[in-house]
Amino acid sequence: MTFEEFTAARLGALVRYATVVTWDPDLAQDITQNVLIRAQARWPRIGRLDAPEQYVKRMIVNEFLSWRRRVARLVPLPRESLDRIAPPAPDHGGEVVRRDAVARLIAALPPRQRAVIALRFYEDLSHEQIAEVLGCRAVTVRTTLSRALANLRTALSPTKTLVEESL
């Protein structure tokens, strides 16, 4: 498969994947573009791999994590970015409120925790597979996932009460 065939077939999926990892559609497009520029130069080697898409996804996660390190300060996501990630769907009101609250809470997590949440629940990867993608040990993934879920549970408990009261 040539690089052009790969990008034609998988570009949309890669941008969606990057959006889930970053929780910012604009940053996801930038990261995907940067990764594909680097991947094109290395495509003769990447294209021969058994799973070139998995390799490119790992490049996306690594680029996101290094992108975060380049920024010396934490820049909060603008409200418009969050609204584009999980727009209200024609659904029951309570479900929309809960989904929006969870999306905002996930977007507020530290980047590594967001990446682990995305890889575990969006990509449905095991702890060992996530460790391979992030280049760390499985115990680190379990710890990071545990902390992320604890942060979400803590943040959701008051939100859950507010959601139930609004119904």
C-alpha atoms as a PDB file:
ATOM      1  CA  MET A   1       0.000   0.000   0.000  1.00  0.00           C
ATOM      2  CA  THR A   2       1.385   3.391  -0.944  1.00  0.00           C
ATOM      3  CA  PHE A   3       1.349   6.385   1.379  1.00  0.00           C
ATOM      4  CA  GLU A   4      -1.264   8.084  -0.800  1.00  0.00           C
ATOM      5  CA  GLU A   5      -3.568   5.035  -0.633  1.00  0.00           C
ATOM      6  CA  PHE A   6      -3.098   4.836   3.126  1.00  0.00           C
ATOM      7  CA  THR A   7      -3.950   8.503   3.701  1.00  0.00           C
ATOM      8  CA  ALA A   8      -6.918   8.372   1.321  1.00  0.00           C
ATOM      9  CA  ALA A   9      -8.346   5.383   3.186  1.00  0.00           C
ATOM     10  CA  ARG A  10      -7.472   6.270   6.803  1.00  0.00           C
ATOM     11  CA  LEU A  11      -7.180  10.077   7.089  1.00  0.00           C
ATOM     12  CA  GLY A  12     -10.666  10.568   8.525  1.00  0.00           C
ATOM     13  CA  ALA A  13     -10.179   7.819  11.105  1.00  0.00           C
ATOM     14  CA  LEU A  14      -6.787   9.226  12.114  1.00  0.00           C
ATOM     15  CA  VAL A  15      -8.190  12.732  12.612  1.00  0.00           C
ATOM     16  CA  ARG A  16     -11.089  11.332  14.679  1.00  0.00           C
ATOM     17  CA  TYR A  17      -8.615   9.323  16.741  1.00  0.00           C
ATOM     18  CA  ALA A  18      -6.469  12.424  17.304  1.00  0.00           C
ATOM     19  CA  THR A  19      -9.586  14.401  18.274  1.00  0.00           C
ATOM     20  CA  VAL A  20     -10.471  11.829  20.920  1.00  0.00           C
ATOM     21  CA  VAL A  21      -6.918  11.886  22.271  1.00  0.00           C
ATOM     22  CA  THR A  22      -6.571  15.694  22.313  1.00  0.00           C
ATOM     23  CA  TRP A  23     -10.202  16.806  22.863  1.00  0.00           C
ATOM     24  CA  ASP A  24      -9.472  19.690  20.504  1.00  0.00           C
ATOM     25  CA  PRO A  25     -10.405  19.289  16.817  1.00  0.00           C
ATOM     26  CA  ASP A  26      -8.030  22.017  15.641  1.00  0.00           C
ATOM     27  CA  LEU A  27      -5.077  20.610  17.572  1.00  0.00           C
ATOM     28  CA  ALA A  28      -6.005  17.128  16.321  1.00  0.00           C
ATOM     29  CA  GLN A  29      -5.780  18.297  12.716  1.00  0.00           C
ATOM     30  CA  ASP A  30      -2.424  19.976  13.361  1.00  0.00           C
ATOM     31  CA  ILE A  31      -1.010  16.906  15.076  1.00  0.00           C
ATOM     32  CA  THR A  32      -2.304  14.554  12.374  1.00  0.00           C
ATOM     33  CA  GLN A  33      -0.793  16.773   9.678  1.00  0.00           C
ATOM     34  CA  ASN A  34       2.591  16.878  11.442  1.00  0.00           C
ATOM     35  CA  VAL A  35       2.575  13.117  11.956  1.00  0.00           C
ATOM     36  CA  LEU A  36       1.647  12.392   8.344  1.00  0.00           C
ATOM     37  CA  ILE A  37       4.428  14.671   7.094  1.00  0.00           C
ATOM     38  CA  ARG A  38       6.932  12.695   9.165  1.00  0.00           C
ATOM     39  CA  ALA A  39       5.321   9.367   8.233  1.00  0.00           C
ATOM     40  CA  GLN A  40       5.519  10.146   4.519  1.00  0.00           C
ATOM     41  CA  ALA A  41       9.297  10.523   4.739  1.00  0.00           C
ATOM     42  CA  ARG A  42       9.523   7.150   6.525  1.00  0.00           C
ATOM     43  CA  TRP A  43       6.775   5.386   4.563  1.00  0.00           C
ATOM     44  CA  PRO A  44       9.004   2.807   2.850  1.00  0.00           C
ATOM     45  CA  ARG A  45       9.784   1.402   6.313  1.00  0.00           C
ATOM     46  CA  ILE A  46       6.375   2.062   7.933  1.00  0.00           C
ATOM     47  CA  GLY A  47       4.458   0.607   4.984  1.00  0.00           C
ATOM     48  CA  ARG A  48       6.232  -2.737   5.383  1.00  0.00           C
ATOM     49  CA  LEU A  49       5.047  -3.132   8.989  1.00  0.00           C
ATOM     50  CA  ASP A  50       2.246  -5.566   9.819  1.00  0.00           C
ATOM     51  CA  ALA A  51       0.105  -2.747  11.236  1.00  0.00           C
ATOM     52  CA  PRO A  52       1.141   0.620   9.774  1.00  0.00           C
ATOM     53  CA  GLU A  53      -2.004   2.307  11.115  1.00  0.00           C
ATOM     54  CA  GLN A  54      -1.146   1.300  14.689  1.00  0.00           C
ATOM     55  CA  TYR A  55       2.334   2.756  14.191  1.00  0.00           C
ATOM     56  CA  VAL A  56       0.868   6.035  12.933  1.00  0.00           C
ATOM     57  CA  LYS A  57      -1.572   6.129  15.870  1.00  0.00           C
ATOM     58  CA  ARG A  58       1.341   5.732  18.249  1.00  0.00           C
ATOM     59  CA  MET A  59       3.042   8.618  16.445  1.00  0.00           C
ATOM     60  CA  ILE A  60      -0.117  10.700  17.015  1.00  0.00           C
ATOM     61  CA  VAL A  61      -0.135   9.972  20.758  1.00  0.00           C
ATOM     62  CA  ASN A  62       3.582  10.716  21.040  1.00  0.00           C
ATOM     63  CA  GLU A  63       3.184  13.945  19.069  1.00  0.00           C
ATOM     64  CA  PHE A  64       0.298  15.011  21.324  1.00  0.00           C
ATOM     65  CA  LEU A  65       2.281  14.334  24.483  1.00  0.00           C
ATOM     66  CA  SER A  66       5.364  16.148  23.162  1.00  0.00           C
ATOM     67  CA  TRP A  67       3.187  19.004  21.862  1.00  0.00           C
ATOM     68  CA  ARG A  68       1.915  19.470  25.391  1.00  0.00           C
ATOM     69  CA  ARG A  69       5.467  19.589  26.720  1.00  0.00           C
ATOM     70  CA  ARG A  70       6.349  22.332  24.236  1.00  0.00           C
ATOM     71  CA  VAL A  71       3.752  24.639  25.734  1.00  0.00           C
ATOM     72  CA  ALA A  72       5.205  26.127  28.900  1.00  0.00           C
ATOM     73  CA  ARG A  73       1.816  26.955  30.367  1.00  0.00           C
ATOM     74  CA  LEU A  74      -1.541  25.262  30.442  1.00  0.00           C
ATOM     75  CA  VAL A  75      -3.881  26.785  27.893  1.00  0.00           C
ATOM     76  CA  PRO A  76      -7.525  26.018  28.705  1.00  0.00           C
ATOM     77  CA  LEU A  77      -9.665  24.774  25.861  1.00  0.00           C
ATOM     78  CA  PRO A  78     -12.070  27.394  24.579  1.00  0.00           C
ATOM     79  CA  ARG A  79     -15.724  26.587  25.066  1.00  0.00           C
ATOM     80  CA  GLU A  80     -16.247  26.473  21.289  1.00  0.00           C
ATOM     81  CA  SER A  81     -13.782  23.563  20.992  1.00  0.00           C
ATOM     82  CA  LEU A  82     -15.654  21.551  23.587  1.00  0.00           C
ATOM     83  CA  ASP A  83     -18.969  22.252  21.891  1.00  0.00           C
ATOM     84  CA  ARG A  84     -17.596  20.943  18.572  1.00  0.00           C
ATOM     85  CA  ILE A  85     -16.313  17.756  20.204  1.00  0.00           C
ATOM     86  CA  ALA A  86     -19.591  16.615  21.720  1.00  0.00           C
ATOM     87  CA  PRO A  87     -22.405  18.694  20.259  1.00  0.00           C
ATOM     88  CA  PRO A  88     -25.810  18.227  21.822  1.00  0.00           C
ATOM     89  CA  ALA A  89     -27.619  15.497  19.931  1.00  0.00           C
ATOM     90  CA  PRO A  90     -31.358  15.179  19.516  1.00  0.00           C
ATOM     91  CA  ASP A  91     -31.645  13.069  22.637  1.00  0.00           C
ATOM     92  CA  HIS A  92     -33.311  13.098  26.016  1.00  0.00           C
ATOM     93  CA  GLY A  93     -32.312  16.209  27.936  1.00  0.00           C
ATOM     94  CA  GLY A  94     -30.773  14.385  30.892  1.00  0.00           C
ATOM     95  CA  GLU A  95     -28.564  12.260  28.673  1.00  0.00           C
ATOM     96  CA  VAL A  96     -27.286  15.341  26.848  1.00  0.00           C
ATOM     97  CA  VAL A  97     -26.450  17.043  30.141  1.00  0.00           C
ATOM     98  CA  ARG A  98     -24.616  13.949  31.440  1.00  0.00           C
ATOM     99  CA  ARG A  99     -22.696  13.447  28.184  1.00  0.00           C
ATOM    100  CA  ASP A 100     -21.661  17.107  28.113  1.00  0.00           C
ATOM    101  CA  ALA A 101     -20.558  16.989  31.748  1.00  0.00           C
ATOM    102  CA  VAL A 102     -18.445  13.877  31.148  1.00  0.00           C
ATOM    103  CA  ALA A 103     -16.872  15.355  27.994  1.00  0.00           C
ATOM    104  CA  ARG A 104     -15.935  18.509  29.873  1.00  0.00           C
ATOM    105  CA  LEU A 105     -14.495  16.522  32.759  1.00  0.00           C
ATOM    106  CA  ILE A 106     -12.422  14.342  30.417  1.00  0.00           C
ATOM    107  CA  ALA A 107     -11.195  17.440  28.577  1.00  0.00           C
ATOM    108  CA  ALA A 108     -10.019  18.857  31.922  1.00  0.00           C
ATOM    109  CA  LEU A 109      -7.880  15.790  32.727  1.00  0.00           C
ATOM    110  CA  PRO A 110      -4.099  16.022  32.298  1.00  0.00           C
ATOM    111  CA  PRO A 111      -3.015  15.038  28.762  1.00  0.00           C
ATOM    112  CA  ARG A 112      -1.488  11.655  29.671  1.00  0.00           C
ATOM    113  CA  GLN A 113      -4.669  10.672  31.542  1.00  0.00           C
ATOM    114  CA  ARG A 114      -6.774  11.773  28.561  1.00  0.00           C
ATOM    115  CA  ALA A 115      -4.593   9.700  26.249  1.00  0.00           C
ATOM    116  CA  VAL A 116      -4.951   6.610  28.448  1.00  0.00           C
ATOM    117  CA  ILE A 117      -8.736   7.091  28.701  1.00  0.00           C
ATOM    118  CA  ALA A 118      -8.976   7.438  24.899  1.00  0.00           C
ATOM    119  CA  LEU A 119      -6.801   4.404  24.229  1.00  0.00           C
ATOM    120  CA  ARG A 120      -8.633   2.250  26.787  1.00  0.00           C
ATOM    121  CA  PHE A 121     -12.238   3.181  26.083  1.00  0.00           C
ATOM    122  CA  TYR A 122     -12.198   4.547  22.515  1.00  0.00           C
ATOM    123  CA  GLU A 123      -9.628   2.192  21.007  1.00  0.00           C
ATOM    124  CA  ASP A 124     -10.502  -0.652  23.445  1.00  0.00           C
ATOM    125  CA  LEU A 125      -6.838  -1.491  23.979  1.00  0.00           C
ATOM    126  CA  SER A 126      -5.552  -3.596  26.873  1.00  0.00           C
ATOM    127  CA  HIS A 127      -3.189  -2.182  29.487  1.00  0.00           C
ATOM    128  CA  GLU A 128      -0.267  -3.916  27.794  1.00  0.00           C
ATOM    129  CA  GLN A 129      -1.189  -2.517  24.373  1.00  0.00           C
ATOM    130  CA  ILE A 130      -1.552   0.986  25.809  1.00  0.00           C
ATOM    131  CA  ALA A 131       1.836   0.623  27.507  1.00  0.00           C
ATOM    132  CA  GLU A 132       3.334  -0.300  24.148  1.00  0.00           C
ATOM    133  CA  VAL A 133       1.750   2.733  22.466  1.00  0.00           C
ATOM    134  CA  LEU A 134       2.904   5.113  25.203  1.00  0.00           C
ATOM    135  CA  GLY A 135       6.301   3.502  25.621  1.00  0.00           C
ATOM    136  CA  CYS A 136       5.898   2.761  29.310  1.00  0.00           C
ATOM    137  CA  ARG A 137       5.125  -0.192  31.577  1.00  0.00           C
ATOM    138  CA  ALA A 138       1.658  -1.693  32.018  1.00  0.00           C
ATOM    139  CA  VAL A 139       1.706  -0.825  35.720  1.00  0.00           C
ATOM    140  CA  THR A 140       2.150   2.842  34.765  1.00  0.00           C
ATOM    141  CA  VAL A 141      -0.879   2.588  32.486  1.00  0.00           C
ATOM    142  CA  ARG A 142      -2.967   0.993  35.237  1.00  0.00           C
ATOM    143  CA  THR A 143      -1.917   3.706  37.698  1.00  0.00           C
ATOM    144  CA  THR A 144      -2.637   6.497  35.233  1.00  0.00           C
ATOM    145  CA  LEU A 145      -6.011   4.982  34.325  1.00  0.00           C
ATOM    146  CA  SER A 146      -6.884   4.517  37.985  1.00  0.00           C
ATOM    147  CA  ARG A 147      -6.041   8.142  38.753  1.00  0.00           C
ATOM    148  CA  ALA A 148      -7.994   9.373  35.745  1.00  0.00           C
ATOM    149  CA  LEU A 149     -11.070   7.375  36.729  1.00  0.00           C
ATOM    150  CA  ALA A 150     -10.737   8.525  40.354  1.00  0.00           C
ATOM    151  CA  ASN A 151     -10.572  12.142  39.151  1.00  0.00           C
ATOM    152  CA  LEU A 152     -13.671  11.585  37.023  1.00  0.00           C
ATOM    153  CA  ARG A 153     -15.575   9.880  39.858  1.00  0.00           C
ATOM    154  CA  THR A 154     -14.716  12.689  42.250  1.00  0.00           C
ATOM    155  CA  ALA A 155     -15.744  15.309  39.746  1.00  0.00           C
ATOM    156  CA  LEU A 156     -18.901  13.433  38.714  1.00  0.00           C
ATOM    157  CA  SER A 157     -20.340  12.935  42.176  1.00  0.00           C
ATOM    158  CA  PRO A 158     -21.384  16.604  42.595  1.00  0.00           C
ATOM    159  CA  THR A 159     -22.260  16.793  38.891  1.00  0.00           C
ATOM    160  CA  LYS A 160     -24.450  13.699  39.169  1.00  0.00           C
ATOM    161  CA  THR A 161     -26.423  15.351  41.958  1.00  0.00           C
ATOM    162  CA  LEU A 162     -26.853  18.493  39.867  1.00  0.00           C
ATOM    163  CA  VAL A 163     -27.904  16.434  36.839  1.00  0.00           C
ATOM    164  CA  GLU A 164     -30.463  14.488  38.857  1.00  0.00           C
ATOM    165  CA  GLU A 165     -31.841  17.704  40.368  1.00  0.00           C
ATOM    166  CA  SER A 166     -32.235  19.263  36.918  1.00  0.00           C
ATOM    167  CA  LEU A 167     -34.380  16.355  35.702  1.00  0.00           C
END
